[in-house]
């Protein structure tokens, strides 16, 4: 993060960390049409235990918010994981 570089290699397991701004350029080198780029766990993963203790109405409101913003590229860095969904073009 400090050097603003992607990382692939050995950590506590095999790892690949990429800056959200580099995801689309990475996949553009393949014959893929982007269908979706989204955050998987959203910003909610930071407070999951507290969230799950709330009433269903409150939980659903937070889940609705997370779903509404899951494809905002400016918020991808708030997610624990990013998912690229593409379709092969050739």
Protein backbone atom coordinates (compact mmCIF):
# COMPACT_ATOMS: atom_id res chain seq x y z
CA UNK A 1 0.00 0.00 0.00
CA UNK A 2 2.73 2.44 0.91
CA UNK A 3 4.36 2.15 -2.51
CA UNK A 4 0.98 1.90 -4.33
CA UNK A 5 2.01 -1.41 -5.91
CA UNK A 6 0.14 -4.67 -6.44
CA UNK A 7 1.43 -7.72 -4.56
CA UNK A 8 1.46 -11.40 -5.48
CA UNK A 9 3.41 -13.88 -3.39
CA UNK A 10 3.83 -15.65 -0.11
CA UNK A 11 2.37 -14.13 3.02
CA UNK A 12 0.52 -16.20 5.58
CA UNK A 13 -0.76 -17.97 2.45
CA UNK A 14 -0.42 -17.39 -1.29
CA UNK A 15 -1.75 -13.90 -1.87
CA UNK A 16 -2.63 -11.47 -4.60
CA UNK A 17 -3.46 -7.94 -3.59
CA UNK A 18 -4.36 -5.40 -6.25
CA UNK A 19 -5.42 -1.80 -6.01
CA UNK A 20 -9.03 -1.37 -7.16
CA UNK A 21 -7.85 1.10 -9.80
CA UNK A 22 -5.77 -1.68 -11.39
CA UNK A 23 -8.49 -4.35 -11.65
CA UNK A 24 -10.01 -3.21 -14.94
CA UNK A 25 -6.62 -2.66 -16.63
CA UNK A 26 -5.60 -6.17 -15.51
CA UNK A 27 -8.66 -7.80 -17.07
CA UNK A 28 -8.55 -5.63 -20.21
CA UNK A 29 -5.59 -7.69 -21.45
CA UNK A 30 -7.88 -10.71 -21.86
CA UNK A 31 -10.71 -11.29 -24.35
CA UNK A 32 -13.40 -10.41 -21.83
CA UNK A 33 -16.39 -8.14 -21.76
CA UNK A 34 -16.92 -6.72 -18.28
CA UNK A 35 -20.37 -7.57 -16.97
CA UNK A 36 -19.84 -6.52 -13.34
CA UNK A 37 -17.13 -5.30 -11.02
CA UNK A 38 -18.36 -5.35 -7.45
CA UNK A 39 -17.36 -5.62 -3.85
CA UNK A 40 -18.32 -8.94 -2.30
CA UNK A 41 -18.34 -8.39 1.45
CA UNK A 42 -18.98 -4.68 1.24
CA UNK A 43 -18.20 -2.32 4.08
CA UNK A 44 -20.51 -4.36 6.31
CA UNK A 45 -17.92 -7.04 7.07
CA UNK A 46 -16.27 -4.65 9.54
CA UNK A 47 -19.34 -4.70 11.76
CA UNK A 48 -20.97 -8.05 10.98
CA UNK A 49 -21.32 -9.26 14.62
CA UNK A 50 -23.02 -6.02 15.67
CA UNK A 51 -25.20 -5.97 12.57
CA UNK A 52 -26.43 -9.51 13.13
CA UNK A 53 -27.67 -8.55 16.60
CA UNK A 54 -30.06 -5.98 15.11
CA UNK A 55 -33.73 -6.41 14.26
CA UNK A 56 -34.43 -7.89 10.80
CA UNK A 57 -35.72 -4.51 9.58
CA UNK A 58 -32.38 -2.86 10.44
CA UNK A 59 -30.34 -5.71 8.95
CA UNK A 60 -32.34 -5.55 5.71
CA UNK A 61 -31.91 -1.78 5.48
CA UNK A 62 -28.11 -2.14 5.74
CA UNK A 63 -28.10 -4.99 3.22
CA UNK A 64 -30.19 -2.90 0.82
CA UNK A 65 -27.70 -0.03 1.12
CA UNK A 66 -24.74 -2.35 0.55
CA UNK A 67 -26.41 -3.80 -2.55
CA UNK A 68 -27.16 -0.36 -3.96
CA UNK A 69 -23.49 0.71 -3.79
CA UNK A 70 -21.71 -2.61 -4.44
CA UNK A 71 -20.77 -1.65 -8.03
CA UNK A 72 -19.58 1.88 -7.31
CA UNK A 73 -15.95 1.85 -8.37
CA UNK A 74 -15.10 4.69 -5.97
CA UNK A 75 -16.14 2.47 -3.03
CA UNK A 76 -14.41 -0.77 -4.07
CA UNK A 77 -11.54 -0.19 -1.66
CA UNK A 78 -13.98 -0.39 1.25
CA UNK A 79 -14.65 -4.06 0.49
CA UNK A 80 -12.80 -7.10 1.75
CA UNK A 81 -12.91 -8.70 -1.72
CA UNK A 82 -13.60 -7.49 -5.24
CA UNK A 83 -15.24 -9.69 -7.87
CA UNK A 84 -14.85 -9.25 -11.61
CA UNK A 85 -17.51 -10.97 -13.70
CA UNK A 86 -16.81 -11.08 -17.40
CA UNK A 87 -17.87 -12.86 -20.54
CA UNK A 88 -15.40 -14.30 -23.02
CA UNK A 89 -15.60 -12.36 -26.27
CA UNK A 90 -13.63 -14.62 -28.65
